[in-house]
Amino acid sequence: MVPQQIYCAHHYMSKAISAIDETFGEGYAKAHPELIGSFMLTAGLVDISQVRTDHPLMGCSFDGIVDALQSIAERMAAK
């Protein structure tokens, strides 16, 4: 793991424990580690979805990319 991944995992875990304990009472997160894992997974998936939509090419379907490449190849062949 690179330092950024370690930081993100630690951050997600700390926030998960805080949020779970604030919602259900002190010590609930420690007694229910599966909630911490679910929280961390959800947070990671949200981050991934934000990266996907923030990048202009990430929202493109593979079909769209294939179509664009085919169009470029056809134009190059026509020259």
N, C-alpha and C. Protein backbone atom coordinates (compact mmCIF):
# COMPACT_ATOMS: atom_id res chain seq x y z
N MET A 1 0.85 -1.19 0.00
CA MET A 1 0.00 0.00 0.00
C MET A 1 0.89 1.25 0.00
N VAL A 2 0.48 2.21 -0.76
CA VAL A 2 1.20 3.48 -0.77
C VAL A 2 0.67 4.36 0.35
N PRO A 3 1.45 5.35 0.78
CA PRO A 3 1.02 6.19 1.91
C PRO A 3 -0.37 6.81 1.73
N GLN A 4 -0.74 7.23 0.53
CA GLN A 4 -2.06 7.83 0.32
C GLN A 4 -3.17 6.83 0.59
N GLN A 5 -2.99 5.58 0.16
CA GLN A 5 -4.00 4.55 0.41
C GLN A 5 -4.13 4.26 1.90
N ILE A 6 -3.00 4.24 2.60
CA ILE A 6 -3.03 4.02 4.05
C ILE A 6 -3.77 5.17 4.72
N TYR A 7 -3.46 6.40 4.30
CA TYR A 7 -4.14 7.56 4.87
C TYR A 7 -5.65 7.48 4.62
N CYS A 8 -6.05 7.15 3.40
CA CYS A 8 -7.48 7.07 3.07
C CYS A 8 -8.17 6.00 3.90
N ALA A 9 -7.55 4.83 4.01
CA ALA A 9 -8.16 3.75 4.81
C ALA A 9 -8.29 4.17 6.27
N HIS A 10 -7.26 4.79 6.81
CA HIS A 10 -7.31 5.25 8.20
C HIS A 10 -8.38 6.32 8.38
N HIS A 11 -8.47 7.22 7.43
CA HIS A 11 -9.47 8.29 7.49
C HIS A 11 -10.88 7.70 7.46
N TYR A 12 -11.12 6.78 6.52
CA TYR A 12 -12.44 6.14 6.42
C TYR A 12 -12.78 5.41 7.72
N MET A 13 -11.80 4.70 8.28
CA MET A 13 -12.05 3.93 9.49
C MET A 13 -12.37 4.86 10.66
N SER A 14 -11.61 5.92 10.81
CA SER A 14 -11.85 6.87 11.90
C SER A 14 -13.23 7.51 11.77
N LYS A 15 -13.57 7.91 10.56
CA LYS A 15 -14.88 8.53 10.34
C LYS A 15 -16.00 7.52 10.56
N ALA A 16 -15.77 6.26 10.15
CA ALA A 16 -16.78 5.23 10.35
C ALA A 16 -17.06 5.04 11.84
N ILE A 17 -16.02 4.92 12.62
CA ILE A 17 -16.19 4.71 14.07
C ILE A 17 -16.93 5.89 14.69
N SER A 18 -16.52 7.11 14.33
CA SER A 18 -17.18 8.30 14.87
C SER A 18 -18.66 8.35 14.49
N ALA A 19 -18.94 8.13 13.21
CA ALA A 19 -20.33 8.22 12.74
C ALA A 19 -21.21 7.13 13.36
N ILE A 20 -20.69 5.92 13.44
CA ILE A 20 -21.47 4.81 14.01
C ILE A 20 -21.73 5.05 15.49
N ASP A 21 -20.69 5.44 16.23
CA ASP A 21 -20.87 5.70 17.66
C ASP A 21 -21.79 6.89 17.92
N GLU A 22 -21.71 7.91 17.08
CA GLU A 22 -22.62 9.06 17.24
C GLU A 22 -24.07 8.66 16.99
N THR A 23 -24.27 7.73 16.07
CA THR A 23 -25.62 7.30 15.72
C THR A 23 -26.19 6.30 16.71
N PHE A 24 -25.39 5.32 17.11
CA PHE A 24 -25.91 4.20 17.91
C PHE A 24 -25.42 4.18 19.36
N GLY A 25 -24.50 5.05 19.70
CA GLY A 25 -23.98 5.09 21.07
C GLY A 25 -22.53 4.66 21.15
N GLU A 26 -21.85 5.19 22.14
CA GLU A 26 -20.42 4.93 22.35
C GLU A 26 -20.15 3.42 22.44
N GLY A 27 -19.15 2.97 21.68
CA GLY A 27 -18.74 1.58 21.71
C GLY A 27 -19.47 0.67 20.73
N TYR A 28 -20.49 1.20 20.05
CA TYR A 28 -21.27 0.36 19.13
C TYR A 28 -20.41 -0.09 17.95
N ALA A 29 -19.57 0.80 17.44
CA ALA A 29 -18.72 0.44 16.30
C ALA A 29 -17.76 -0.69 16.67
N LYS A 30 -17.18 -0.61 17.85
CA LYS A 30 -16.25 -1.65 18.29
C LYS A 30 -16.96 -3.00 18.42
N ALA A 31 -18.19 -2.97 18.86
CA ALA A 31 -18.97 -4.19 19.02
C ALA A 31 -19.51 -4.72 17.69
N HIS A 32 -19.52 -3.88 16.66
CA HIS A 32 -20.05 -4.26 15.35
C HIS A 32 -19.08 -3.86 14.23
N PRO A 33 -17.93 -4.55 14.16
CA PRO A 33 -16.92 -4.18 13.15
C PRO A 33 -17.41 -4.32 11.72
N GLU A 34 -18.45 -5.13 11.50
CA GLU A 34 -18.98 -5.27 10.13
C GLU A 34 -19.55 -3.94 9.64
N LEU A 35 -20.04 -3.11 10.55
CA LEU A 35 -20.54 -1.79 10.16
C LEU A 35 -19.39 -0.88 9.72
N ILE A 36 -18.26 -1.02 10.39
CA ILE A 36 -17.08 -0.23 10.01
C ILE A 36 -16.66 -0.61 8.59
N GLY A 37 -16.60 -1.91 8.32
CA GLY A 37 -16.22 -2.38 6.98
C GLY A 37 -17.19 -1.90 5.92
N SER A 38 -18.48 -1.96 6.21
CA SER A 38 -19.49 -1.50 5.25
C SER A 38 -19.37 -0.01 5.00
N PHE A 39 -19.13 0.75 6.06
CA PHE A 39 -18.95 2.20 5.93
C PHE A 39 -17.74 2.50 5.05
N MET A 40 -16.63 1.80 5.32
CA MET A 40 -15.41 2.03 4.56
C MET A 40 -15.59 1.67 3.08
N LEU A 41 -16.26 0.57 2.82
CA LEU A 41 -16.53 0.16 1.45
C LEU A 41 -17.38 1.19 0.73
N THR A 42 -18.42 1.66 1.38
CA THR A 42 -19.30 2.67 0.79
C THR A 42 -18.54 3.96 0.50
N ALA A 43 -17.72 4.41 1.46
CA ALA A 43 -16.94 5.63 1.26
C ALA A 43 -15.98 5.47 0.08
N GLY A 44 -15.34 4.32 -0.03
CA GLY A 44 -14.44 4.08 -1.15
C GLY A 44 -15.15 4.07 -2.48
N LEU A 45 -16.33 3.45 -2.52
CA LEU A 45 -17.11 3.42 -3.76
C LEU A 45 -17.58 4.81 -4.16
N VAL A 46 -17.94 5.62 -3.19
CA VAL A 46 -18.34 7.00 -3.49
C VAL A 46 -17.15 7.76 -4.08
N ASP A 47 -15.96 7.58 -3.50
CA ASP A 47 -14.77 8.23 -4.05
C ASP A 47 -14.52 7.79 -5.49
N ILE A 48 -14.63 6.51 -5.75
CA ILE A 48 -14.41 6.00 -7.11
C ILE A 48 -15.43 6.59 -8.07
N SER A 49 -16.69 6.66 -7.66
CA SER A 49 -17.72 7.20 -8.55
C SER A 49 -17.47 8.66 -8.84
N GLN A 50 -16.94 9.39 -7.87
CA GLN A 50 -16.63 10.81 -8.10
C GLN A 50 -15.47 10.96 -9.06
N VAL A 51 -14.47 10.12 -8.95
CA VAL A 51 -13.34 10.17 -9.88
C VAL A 51 -13.83 9.85 -11.30
N ARG A 52 -14.68 8.83 -11.41
CA ARG A 52 -15.20 8.44 -12.72
C ARG A 52 -15.96 9.58 -13.38
N THR A 53 -16.76 10.32 -12.63
CA THR A 53 -17.55 11.38 -13.25
C THR A 53 -16.78 12.68 -13.40
N ASP A 54 -15.69 12.85 -12.64
CA ASP A 54 -14.91 14.07 -12.74
C ASP A 54 -14.01 14.07 -13.98
N HIS A 55 -13.65 12.90 -14.47
CA HIS A 55 -12.77 12.81 -15.63
C HIS A 55 -13.62 12.76 -16.89
N PRO A 56 -13.32 13.61 -17.88
CA PRO A 56 -14.18 13.69 -19.06
C PRO A 56 -14.32 12.38 -19.84
N LEU A 57 -13.32 11.52 -19.81
CA LEU A 57 -13.41 10.28 -20.57
C LEU A 57 -13.98 9.12 -19.77
N MET A 58 -14.03 9.24 -18.47
CA MET A 58 -14.44 8.12 -17.64
C MET A 58 -15.92 7.78 -17.80
N GLY A 59 -16.74 8.74 -18.17
CA GLY A 59 -18.15 8.47 -18.34
C GLY A 59 -18.50 7.84 -19.68
N CYS A 60 -17.54 7.81 -20.58
CA CYS A 60 -17.79 7.25 -21.90
C CYS A 60 -17.94 5.74 -21.81
N SER A 61 -18.85 5.22 -22.59
CA SER A 61 -18.98 3.76 -22.65
C SER A 61 -17.90 3.23 -23.58
N PHE A 62 -17.57 1.96 -23.42
CA PHE A 62 -16.60 1.36 -24.32
C PHE A 62 -17.11 1.35 -25.76
N ASP A 63 -18.42 1.20 -25.93
CA ASP A 63 -18.99 1.24 -27.28
C ASP A 63 -18.70 2.58 -27.93
N GLY A 64 -18.84 3.66 -27.16
CA GLY A 64 -18.56 4.99 -27.69
C GLY A 64 -17.11 5.16 -28.08
N ILE A 65 -16.22 4.59 -27.28
CA ILE A 65 -14.80 4.66 -27.58
C ILE A 65 -14.49 3.84 -28.84
N VAL A 66 -15.07 2.66 -28.94
CA VAL A 66 -14.87 1.81 -30.12
C VAL A 66 -15.39 2.53 -31.36
N ASP A 67 -16.58 3.13 -31.26
CA ASP A 67 -17.15 3.87 -32.40
C ASP A 67 -16.24 5.02 -32.81
N ALA A 68 -15.71 5.75 -31.84
CA ALA A 68 -14.83 6.88 -32.15
C ALA A 68 -13.55 6.41 -32.83
N LEU A 69 -12.97 5.33 -32.32
CA LEU A 69 -11.75 4.80 -32.93
C LEU A 69 -12.02 4.30 -34.35
N GLN A 70 -13.16 3.66 -34.55
CA GLN A 70 -13.53 3.18 -35.88
C GLN A 70 -13.67 4.36 -36.85
N SER A 71 -14.30 5.42 -36.39
CA SER A 71 -14.48 6.61 -37.22
C SER A 71 -13.14 7.23 -37.59
N ILE A 72 -12.23 7.29 -36.65
CA ILE A 72 -10.89 7.84 -36.91
C ILE A 72 -10.18 6.97 -37.94
N ALA A 73 -10.27 5.65 -37.76
CA ALA A 73 -9.61 4.73 -38.71
C ALA A 73 -10.17 4.89 -40.11
N GLU A 74 -11.48 5.03 -40.22
CA GLU A 74 -12.11 5.20 -41.54
C GLU A 74 -11.69 6.51 -42.19
N ARG A 75 -11.60 7.58 -41.42
CA ARG A 75 -11.17 8.87 -41.97
C ARG A 75 -9.72 8.81 -42.41
N MET A 76 -8.89 8.11 -41.65
CA MET A 76 -7.47 7.99 -42.02
C MET A 76 -7.33 7.16 -43.29
N ALA A 77 -8.13 6.12 -43.43
CA ALA A 77 -8.07 5.27 -44.62
C ALA A 77 -8.54 6.01 -45.86
N ALA A 78 -9.45 6.95 -45.68
CA ALA A 78 -9.99 7.71 -46.81
C ALA A 78 -9.00 8.73 -47.35
N LYS A 79 -8.00 9.09 -46.61
CA LYS A 79 -7.04 10.11 -47.05
C LYS A 79 -6.02 9.56 -47.99
